[in-house]
Amino acid sequence: MKTAFITGAAQGIGLAIARRFAREGYQVGLFDINATRCQALLSEPDFQNAIAGYCDVKDSASIEEAIAMFSQATSGRLDVLVNNAGVLTGGELMTQSESQIRAMVDVNVTGLTLVSYAAHPFLKATEGSMVINLCSASSIHGIPLLAVYSATKFYVDGFTQALNIEWENDDIYVTCIKPPVIDTEMGRSLDPRHIENMTWEMKPDDVASAVYGLTQRRELHHVLGSSTRRWHRLSRLFGMGVSRWLTRRLVG
């Protein structure tokens, strides 16, 4: 049985991804700081073969314990690592607290890196394994009122590109997915000025389907949403000036 380890799996996009992989016959690992919620999910029919536990991606010891728990249940097999855990604070930079800024960097940057690091031996030991990083449309151009969050997703994009090459000889394919704003609790926490100028094109299940789809093909990054793909294409075609103009429209 193939296996998938998913961070931030208690709710939202992470839960949708876990559910999709479970329905496709994977033994999934549901890991989150909300371990109680993950444990409760084991009573659902979709997760009868799942493993659930605590994982704080800001803490390397917690990550190692979670990976060890998962690998013990799967005899060391890890086919797909989904780095989904993430946090977001919207609004102008100068209205954000130091703790909010640090949380975005600690979870979205350091956490994703440490999880990948800890998982590498198990990925390397599993033929044809993959890492799928949850990036964001905000990595296309820095988004005002999302400056720190957007910057962390630029990191995810660069990290993905680098490891796609670095881990190639280990038979680990590293990729990322770039969704637009999704109708989740996190998406609804955006600054109202963003919400006024954005449309909710996608649901968590749409992202989950796209993430699973990446296991069926090799694609370095996948941009989701029709408007996001147009923005991406125009930015690449016409350069920074057009990209800035398009991005400026997001805040009116």
C-alpha atoms as a PDB file:
ATOM      1  CA  MET A   1       0.000   0.000   0.000  1.00  0.00           C
ATOM      2  CA  LYS A   2       1.307   3.445  -0.917  1.00  0.00           C
ATOM      3  CA  THR A   3       1.640   6.017   1.862  1.00  0.00           C
ATOM      4  CA  ALA A   4       1.277   9.786   2.260  1.00  0.00           C
ATOM      5  CA  PHE A   5       2.328  11.949   5.213  1.00  0.00           C
ATOM      6  CA  ILE A   6       0.403  15.234   5.423  1.00  0.00           C
ATOM      7  CA  THR A   7       1.118  18.150   7.740  1.00  0.00           C
ATOM      8  CA  GLY A   8      -1.633  20.515   8.834  1.00  0.00           C
ATOM      9  CA  ALA A   9      -4.134  17.723   8.214  1.00  0.00           C
ATOM     10  CA  ALA A  10      -6.736  18.482  10.902  1.00  0.00           C
ATOM     11  CA  GLN A  11      -8.877  20.757   8.748  1.00  0.00           C
ATOM     12  CA  GLY A  12      -9.196  22.757   5.542  1.00  0.00           C
ATOM     13  CA  ILE A  13      -6.963  21.944   2.592  1.00  0.00           C
ATOM     14  CA  GLY A  14      -4.830  19.475   4.558  1.00  0.00           C
ATOM     15  CA  LEU A  15      -7.839  17.406   5.557  1.00  0.00           C
ATOM     16  CA  ALA A  16      -9.199  17.470   2.002  1.00  0.00           C
ATOM     17  CA  ILE A  17      -5.838  16.235   0.704  1.00  0.00           C
ATOM     18  CA  ALA A  18      -5.693  13.461   3.306  1.00  0.00           C
ATOM     19  CA  ARG A  19      -9.217  12.372   2.456  1.00  0.00           C
ATOM     20  CA  ARG A  20      -8.476  12.279  -1.281  1.00  0.00           C
ATOM     21  CA  PHE A  21      -5.338  10.178  -0.834  1.00  0.00           C
ATOM     22  CA  ALA A  22      -7.152   7.812   1.528  1.00  0.00           C
ATOM     23  CA  ARG A  23      -9.924   7.331  -1.032  1.00  0.00           C
ATOM     24  CA  GLU A  24      -7.287   6.544  -3.646  1.00  0.00           C
ATOM     25  CA  GLY A  25      -6.057   3.665  -1.484  1.00  0.00           C
ATOM     26  CA  TYR A  26      -3.154   5.326   0.315  1.00  0.00           C
ATOM     27  CA  GLN A  27      -2.322   4.767   3.955  1.00  0.00           C
ATOM     28  CA  VAL A  28      -2.285   8.369   5.122  1.00  0.00           C
ATOM     29  CA  GLY A  29      -0.664  10.088   8.055  1.00  0.00           C
ATOM     30  CA  LEU A  30      -2.763  12.889   9.525  1.00  0.00           C
ATOM     31  CA  PHE A  31      -0.447  15.122  11.532  1.00  0.00           C
ATOM     32  CA  ASP A  32      -1.193  18.511  13.044  1.00  0.00           C
ATOM     33  CA  ILE A  33      -0.787  20.517  16.243  1.00  0.00           C
ATOM     34  CA  ASN A  34      -4.465  19.639  16.770  1.00  0.00           C
ATOM     35  CA  ALA A  35      -3.767  15.964  17.409  1.00  0.00           C
ATOM     36  CA  THR A  36      -7.143  15.475  19.111  1.00  0.00           C
ATOM     37  CA  ARG A  37      -8.937  16.368  15.900  1.00  0.00           C
ATOM     38  CA  CYS A  38      -6.663  14.073  13.870  1.00  0.00           C
ATOM     39  CA  GLN A  39      -7.294  11.190  16.268  1.00  0.00           C
ATOM     40  CA  ALA A  40     -11.053  11.755  16.022  1.00  0.00           C
ATOM     41  CA  LEU A  41     -10.869  11.474  12.241  1.00  0.00           C
ATOM     42  CA  LEU A  42      -9.707   7.856  12.577  1.00  0.00           C
ATOM     43  CA  SER A  43     -13.299   6.883  13.367  1.00  0.00           C
ATOM     44  CA  GLU A  44     -14.384   7.887   9.863  1.00  0.00           C
ATOM     45  CA  PRO A  45     -14.608   5.195   7.153  1.00  0.00           C
ATOM     46  CA  ASP A  46     -12.097   7.039   4.946  1.00  0.00           C
ATOM     47  CA  PHE A  47      -9.418   6.811   7.620  1.00  0.00           C
ATOM     48  CA  GLN A  48      -9.669   3.251   8.876  1.00  0.00           C
ATOM     49  CA  ASN A  49      -6.073   2.569   7.765  1.00  0.00           C
ATOM     50  CA  ALA A  50      -4.714   5.987   8.679  1.00  0.00           C
ATOM     51  CA  ILE A  51      -2.175   7.051  11.280  1.00  0.00           C
ATOM     52  CA  ALA A  52      -2.785  10.230  13.260  1.00  0.00           C
ATOM     53  CA  GLY A  53      -0.668  12.203  15.670  1.00  0.00           C
ATOM     54  CA  TYR A  54       0.823  15.436  16.895  1.00  0.00           C
ATOM     55  CA  CYS A  55       3.287  17.413  14.830  1.00  0.00           C
ATOM     56  CA  ASP A  56       4.436  20.951  15.491  1.00  0.00           C
ATOM     57  CA  VAL A  57       6.476  21.828  12.416  1.00  0.00           C
ATOM     58  CA  LYS A  58       8.250  24.582  14.377  1.00  0.00           C
ATOM     59  CA  ASP A  59       9.871  21.932  16.603  1.00  0.00           C
ATOM     60  CA  SER A  60      12.386  19.506  15.099  1.00  0.00           C
ATOM     61  CA  ALA A  61      11.919  16.989  17.940  1.00  0.00           C
ATOM     62  CA  SER A  62       8.165  16.950  17.309  1.00  0.00           C
ATOM     63  CA  ILE A  63       8.744  16.415  13.590  1.00  0.00           C
ATOM     64  CA  GLU A  64      11.138  13.543  14.196  1.00  0.00           C
ATOM     65  CA  GLU A  65       8.701  11.868  16.575  1.00  0.00           C
ATOM     66  CA  ALA A  66       5.870  12.181  14.047  1.00  0.00           C
ATOM     67  CA  ILE A  67       7.964  10.823  11.176  1.00  0.00           C
ATOM     68  CA  ALA A  68       9.163   7.938  13.393  1.00  0.00           C
ATOM     69  CA  MET A  69       5.591   7.100  14.413  1.00  0.00           C
ATOM     70  CA  PHE A  70       4.476   7.112  10.790  1.00  0.00           C
ATOM     71  CA  SER A  71       7.428   5.100   9.483  1.00  0.00           C
ATOM     72  CA  GLN A  72       6.969   2.470  12.158  1.00  0.00           C
ATOM     73  CA  ALA A  73       3.382   1.933  11.003  1.00  0.00           C
ATOM     74  CA  THR A  74       4.366   1.841   7.312  1.00  0.00           C
ATOM     75  CA  SER A  75       7.557  -0.234   7.656  1.00  0.00           C
ATOM     76  CA  GLY A  76       9.560   2.797   6.597  1.00  0.00           C
ATOM     77  CA  ARG A  77       7.661   3.462   3.396  1.00  0.00           C
ATOM     78  CA  LEU A  78       6.945   7.077   2.431  1.00  0.00           C
ATOM     79  CA  ASP A  79       5.655   7.600  -1.094  1.00  0.00           C
ATOM     80  CA  VAL A  80       4.345  11.164  -0.797  1.00  0.00           C
ATOM     81  CA  LEU A  81       5.156  13.950   1.639  1.00  0.00           C
ATOM     82  CA  VAL A  82       2.670  16.824   1.487  1.00  0.00           C
ATOM     83  CA  ASN A  83       3.997  19.937   3.202  1.00  0.00           C
ATOM     84  CA  ASN A  84       0.669  21.641   3.810  1.00  0.00           C
ATOM     85  CA  ALA A  85       0.982  23.259   7.252  1.00  0.00           C
ATOM     86  CA  GLY A  86       0.905  27.034   7.005  1.00  0.00           C
ATOM     87  CA  VAL A  87      -0.246  30.192   8.755  1.00  0.00           C
ATOM     88  CA  LEU A  88      -1.302  33.593   7.447  1.00  0.00           C
ATOM     89  CA  THR A  89      -1.808  37.055   8.892  1.00  0.00           C
ATOM     90  CA  GLY A  90      -3.222  39.644   6.523  1.00  0.00           C
ATOM     91  CA  GLY A  91      -2.997  43.419   6.670  1.00  0.00           C
ATOM     92  CA  GLU A  92      -0.354  46.099   6.440  1.00  0.00           C
ATOM     93  CA  LEU A  93       3.065  45.076   7.703  1.00  0.00           C
ATOM     94  CA  MET A  94       3.164  47.780  10.375  1.00  0.00           C
ATOM     95  CA  THR A  95      -0.065  46.512  11.937  1.00  0.00           C
ATOM     96  CA  GLN A  96       1.340  43.027  12.495  1.00  0.00           C
ATOM     97  CA  SER A  97       2.946  41.889  15.722  1.00  0.00           C
ATOM     98  CA  GLU A  98       6.372  40.321  15.974  1.00  0.00           C
ATOM     99  CA  SER A  99       4.768  37.036  17.023  1.00  0.00           C
ATOM    100  CA  GLN A 100       2.544  37.016  13.929  1.00  0.00           C
ATOM    101  CA  ILE A 101       5.519  37.706  11.664  1.00  0.00           C
ATOM    102  CA  ARG A 102       7.646  35.045  13.328  1.00  0.00           C
ATOM    103  CA  ALA A 103       4.846  32.481  13.144  1.00  0.00           C
ATOM    104  CA  MET A 104       4.603  32.826   9.353  1.00  0.00           C
ATOM    105  CA  VAL A 105       8.356  32.416   8.917  1.00  0.00           C
ATOM    106  CA  ASP A 106       8.645  29.630  11.490  1.00  0.00           C
ATOM    107  CA  VAL A 107       5.805  27.538  10.045  1.00  0.00           C
ATOM    108  CA  ASN A 108       5.823  28.358   6.340  1.00  0.00           C
ATOM    109  CA  VAL A 109       9.604  28.464   5.874  1.00  0.00           C
ATOM    110  CA  THR A 110      11.475  26.734   8.684  1.00  0.00           C
ATOM    111  CA  GLY A 111       8.779  24.153   9.346  1.00  0.00           C
ATOM    112  CA  LEU A 112       8.469  23.063   5.724  1.00  0.00           C
ATOM    113  CA  THR A 113      12.256  22.808   5.503  1.00  0.00           C
ATOM    114  CA  LEU A 114      12.653  20.755   8.680  1.00  0.00           C
ATOM    115  CA  VAL A 115       9.858  18.348   7.733  1.00  0.00           C
ATOM    116  CA  SER A 116      11.481  17.759   4.344  1.00  0.00           C
ATOM    117  CA  TYR A 117      14.844  17.243   6.010  1.00  0.00           C
ATOM    118  CA  ALA A 118      13.489  14.698   8.484  1.00  0.00           C
ATOM    119  CA  ALA A 119      11.523  12.831   5.824  1.00  0.00           C
ATOM    120  CA  HIS A 120      14.388  12.548   3.340  1.00  0.00           C
ATOM    121  CA  PRO A 121      15.782   9.149   4.456  1.00  0.00           C
ATOM    122  CA  PHE A 122      12.345   7.534   4.154  1.00  0.00           C
ATOM    123  CA  LEU A 123      11.622   9.195   0.826  1.00  0.00           C
ATOM    124  CA  LYS A 124      14.996   8.057  -0.497  1.00  0.00           C
ATOM    125  CA  ALA A 125      14.276   4.490   0.595  1.00  0.00           C
ATOM    126  CA  THR A 126      10.934   4.480  -1.275  1.00  0.00           C
ATOM    127  CA  GLU A 127      11.129   4.081  -5.034  1.00  0.00           C
ATOM    128  CA  GLY A 128       9.552   6.924  -7.007  1.00  0.00           C
ATOM    129  CA  SER A 129       8.692   9.072  -3.969  1.00  0.00           C
ATOM    130  CA  MET A 130       7.492  12.669  -4.108  1.00  0.00           C
ATOM    131  CA  VAL A 131       7.399  15.863  -2.081  1.00  0.00           C
ATOM    132  CA  ILE A 132       4.466  18.169  -2.822  1.00  0.00           C
ATOM    133  CA  ASN A 133       4.774  21.615  -1.257  1.00  0.00           C
ATOM    134  CA  LEU A 134       1.763  23.874  -0.809  1.00  0.00           C
ATOM    135  CA  CYS A 135       2.914  27.127  -2.332  1.00  0.00           C
ATOM    136  CA  SER A 136       0.589  29.965  -3.345  1.00  0.00           C
ATOM    137  CA  ALA A 137      -0.407  32.303  -6.130  1.00  0.00           C
ATOM    138  CA  SER A 138       1.193  34.963  -3.917  1.00  0.00           C
ATOM    139  CA  SER A 139       4.596  33.634  -5.077  1.00  0.00           C
ATOM    140  CA  ILE A 140       3.938  35.046  -8.562  1.00  0.00           C
ATOM    141  CA  HIS A 141       4.416  38.620  -7.314  1.00  0.00           C
ATOM    142  CA  GLY A 142       4.717  40.042  -3.817  1.00  0.00           C
ATOM    143  CA  ILE A 143       1.193  40.831  -2.603  1.00  0.00           C
ATOM    144  CA  PRO A 144       0.534  44.040  -0.645  1.00  0.00           C
ATOM    145  CA  LEU A 145      -1.236  43.399   2.668  1.00  0.00           C
ATOM    146  CA  LEU A 146       0.322  39.914   2.554  1.00  0.00           C
ATOM    147  CA  ALA A 147       3.988  40.920   2.444  1.00  0.00           C
ATOM    148  CA  VAL A 148       5.430  38.383   4.880  1.00  0.00           C
ATOM    149  CA  TYR A 149       3.142  35.527   3.870  1.00  0.00           C
ATOM    150  CA  SER A 150       3.874  36.199   0.214  1.00  0.00           C
ATOM    151  CA  ALA A 151       7.620  36.252   0.890  1.00  0.00           C
ATOM    152  CA  THR A 152       7.420  32.885   2.641  1.00  0.00           C
ATOM    153  CA  LYS A 153       5.783  31.429  -0.452  1.00  0.00           C
ATOM    154  CA  PHE A 154       8.562  32.788  -2.653  1.00  0.00           C
ATOM    155  CA  TYR A 155      10.837  30.743  -0.392  1.00  0.00           C
ATOM    156  CA  VAL A 156       8.687  27.647  -0.945  1.00  0.00           C
ATOM    157  CA  ASP A 157       8.934  28.156  -4.706  1.00  0.00           C
ATOM    158  CA  GLY A 158      12.721  28.514  -4.630  1.00  0.00           C
ATOM    159  CA  PHE A 159      13.140  25.628  -2.189  1.00  0.00           C
ATOM    160  CA  THR A 160      11.049  23.421  -4.475  1.00  0.00           C
ATOM    161  CA  GLN A 161      13.071  24.333  -7.562  1.00  0.00           C
ATOM    162  CA  ALA A 162      16.366  23.659  -5.799  1.00  0.00           C
ATOM    163  CA  LEU A 163      15.375  20.306  -4.291  1.00  0.00           C
ATOM    164  CA  ASN A 164      13.809  19.206  -7.582  1.00  0.00           C
ATOM    165  CA  ILE A 165      17.385  19.150  -8.883  1.00  0.00           C
ATOM    166  CA  GLU A 166      19.220  18.281  -5.651  1.00  0.00           C
ATOM    167  CA  TRP A 167      17.122  15.219  -4.824  1.00  0.00           C
ATOM    168  CA  GLU A 168      16.788  13.970  -8.393  1.00  0.00           C
ATOM    169  CA  ASN A 169      19.580  11.443  -7.917  1.00  0.00           C
ATOM    170  CA  ASP A 170      17.747  10.117  -4.854  1.00  0.00           C
ATOM    171  CA  ASP A 171      14.709   9.349  -7.025  1.00  0.00           C
ATOM    172  CA  ILE A 172      12.620  11.929  -5.141  1.00  0.00           C
ATOM    173  CA  TYR A 173      10.532  14.245  -7.286  1.00  0.00           C
ATOM    174  CA  VAL A 174       9.908  17.610  -5.602  1.00  0.00           C
ATOM    175  CA  THR A 175       7.111  19.851  -6.836  1.00  0.00           C
ATOM    176  CA  CYS A 176       4.694  22.492  -5.588  1.00  0.00           C
ATOM    177  CA  ILE A 177       1.172  23.665  -6.181  1.00  0.00           C
ATOM    178  CA  LYS A 178       0.105  27.318  -6.352  1.00  0.00           C
ATOM    179  CA  PRO A 179      -3.560  27.819  -5.525  1.00  0.00           C
ATOM    180  CA  PRO A 180      -5.371  31.159  -5.409  1.00  0.00           C
ATOM    181  CA  VAL A 181      -7.320  32.175  -2.313  1.00  0.00           C
ATOM    182  CA  ILE A 182      -9.368  29.176  -1.192  1.00  0.00           C
ATOM    183  CA  ASP A 183     -12.639  29.246   0.682  1.00  0.00           C
ATOM    184  CA  THR A 184     -11.258  28.139   4.051  1.00  0.00           C
ATOM    185  CA  GLU A 185     -10.847  29.657   7.499  1.00  0.00           C
ATOM    186  CA  MET A 186      -7.397  30.873   6.449  1.00  0.00           C
ATOM    187  CA  GLY A 187      -8.730  32.371   3.221  1.00  0.00           C
ATOM    188  CA  ARG A 188     -11.449  34.218   5.116  1.00  0.00           C
ATOM    189  CA  SER A 189      -8.812  35.777   7.393  1.00  0.00           C
ATOM    190  CA  LEU A 190      -7.450  37.965   4.593  1.00  0.00           C
ATOM    191  CA  ASP A 191      -7.607  41.714   4.840  1.00  0.00           C
ATOM    192  CA  PRO A 192     -11.114  42.897   3.787  1.00  0.00           C
ATOM    193  CA  ARG A 193      -9.556  44.905   0.957  1.00  0.00           C
ATOM    194  CA  HIS A 194      -8.339  41.662  -0.589  1.00  0.00           C
ATOM    195  CA  ILE A 195     -11.637  39.889  -0.151  1.00  0.00           C
ATOM    196  CA  GLU A 196     -13.477  42.744  -1.889  1.00  0.00           C
ATOM    197  CA  ASN A 197     -11.320  42.331  -5.016  1.00  0.00           C
ATOM    198  CA  MET A 198     -11.011  38.545  -5.158  1.00  0.00           C
ATOM    199  CA  THR A 199     -13.338  35.790  -6.253  1.00  0.00           C
ATOM    200  CA  TRP A 200     -13.515  32.420  -4.524  1.00  0.00           C
ATOM    201  CA  GLU A 201     -12.753  30.197  -7.492  1.00  0.00           C
ATOM    202  CA  MET A 202     -11.899  27.010  -5.639  1.00  0.00           C
ATOM    203  CA  LYS A 203     -12.710  24.821  -2.656  1.00  0.00           C
ATOM    204  CA  PRO A 204     -10.341  22.605  -0.632  1.00  0.00           C
ATOM    205  CA  ASP A 205     -11.474  19.539  -2.595  1.00  0.00           C
ATOM    206  CA  ASP A 206     -10.320  21.223  -5.816  1.00  0.00           C
ATOM    207  CA  VAL A 207      -6.847  21.692  -4.372  1.00  0.00           C
ATOM    208  CA  ALA A 208      -6.845  18.103  -3.109  1.00  0.00           C
ATOM    209  CA  SER A 209      -7.672  16.820  -6.589  1.00  0.00           C
ATOM    210  CA  ALA A 210      -4.844  18.874  -8.075  1.00  0.00           C
ATOM    211  CA  VAL A 211      -2.380  17.658  -5.441  1.00  0.00           C
ATOM    212  CA  TYR A 212      -3.285  14.042  -6.096  1.00  0.00           C
ATOM    213  CA  GLY A 213      -3.047  14.733  -9.836  1.00  0.00           C
ATOM    214  CA  LEU A 214       0.621  15.624  -9.402  1.00  0.00           C
ATOM    215  CA  THR A 215       1.297  12.032  -8.403  1.00  0.00           C
ATOM    216  CA  GLN A 216       0.158  11.003 -11.885  1.00  0.00           C
ATOM    217  CA  ARG A 217       2.529  13.275 -13.804  1.00  0.00           C
ATOM    218  CA  ARG A 218       5.823  15.126 -13.412  1.00  0.00           C
ATOM    219  CA  GLU A 219       5.310  18.895 -13.306  1.00  0.00           C
ATOM    220  CA  LEU A 220       7.664  21.262 -11.470  1.00  0.00           C
ATOM    221  CA  HIS A 221       4.896  23.569 -10.324  1.00  0.00           C
ATOM    222  CA  HIS A 222       1.187  23.739 -10.951  1.00  0.00           C
ATOM    223  CA  VAL A 223      -0.778  27.002 -10.903  1.00  0.00           C
ATOM    224  CA  LEU A 224      -4.458  26.623 -10.015  1.00  0.00           C
ATOM    225  CA  GLY A 225      -7.424  28.797 -10.996  1.00  0.00           C
ATOM    226  CA  SER A 226      -8.193  30.366 -14.353  1.00  0.00           C
ATOM    227  CA  SER A 227      -7.590  33.969 -13.247  1.00  0.00           C
ATOM    228  CA  THR A 228      -4.381  33.006 -11.454  1.00  0.00           C
ATOM    229  CA  ARG A 229      -3.062  31.203 -14.539  1.00  0.00           C
ATOM    230  CA  ARG A 230      -3.793  34.283 -16.682  1.00  0.00           C
ATOM    231  CA  TRP A 231      -1.975  36.488 -14.152  1.00  0.00           C
ATOM    232  CA  HIS A 232       0.960  34.065 -14.149  1.00  0.00           C
ATOM    233  CA  ARG A 233       1.192  33.936 -17.940  1.00  0.00           C
ATOM    234  CA  LEU A 234       0.934  37.702 -18.357  1.00  0.00           C
ATOM    235  CA  SER A 235       3.541  38.306 -15.660  1.00  0.00           C
ATOM    236  CA  ARG A 236       5.987  35.935 -17.322  1.00  0.00           C
ATOM    237  CA  LEU A 237       5.298  37.298 -20.793  1.00  0.00           C
ATOM    238  CA  PHE A 238       5.373  41.042 -20.134  1.00  0.00           C
ATOM    239  CA  GLY A 239       7.653  41.345 -17.122  1.00  0.00           C
ATOM    240  CA  MET A 240       7.681  43.137 -13.790  1.00  0.00           C
ATOM    241  CA  GLY A 241       5.852  46.288 -14.853  1.00  0.00           C
ATOM    242  CA  VAL A 242       2.731  44.456 -15.969  1.00  0.00           C
ATOM    243  CA  SER A 243       2.990  42.078 -13.023  1.00  0.00           C
ATOM    244  CA  ARG A 244       3.069  45.022 -10.617  1.00  0.00           C
ATOM    245  CA  TRP A 245       0.070  46.649 -12.323  1.00  0.00           C
ATOM    246  CA  LEU A 246      -1.964  43.445 -12.144  1.00  0.00           C
ATOM    247  CA  THR A 247      -1.014  42.902  -8.506  1.00  0.00           C
ATOM    248  CA  ARG A 248      -1.829  46.501  -7.561  1.00  0.00           C
ATOM    249  CA  ARG A 249      -5.428  45.868  -8.631  1.00  0.00           C
ATOM    250  CA  LEU A 250      -5.841  43.305  -5.840  1.00  0.00           C
ATOM    251  CA  VAL A 251      -6.076  46.075  -3.239  1.00  0.00           C
ATOM    252  CA  GLY A 252      -8.165  48.485  -5.291  1.00  0.00           C
END
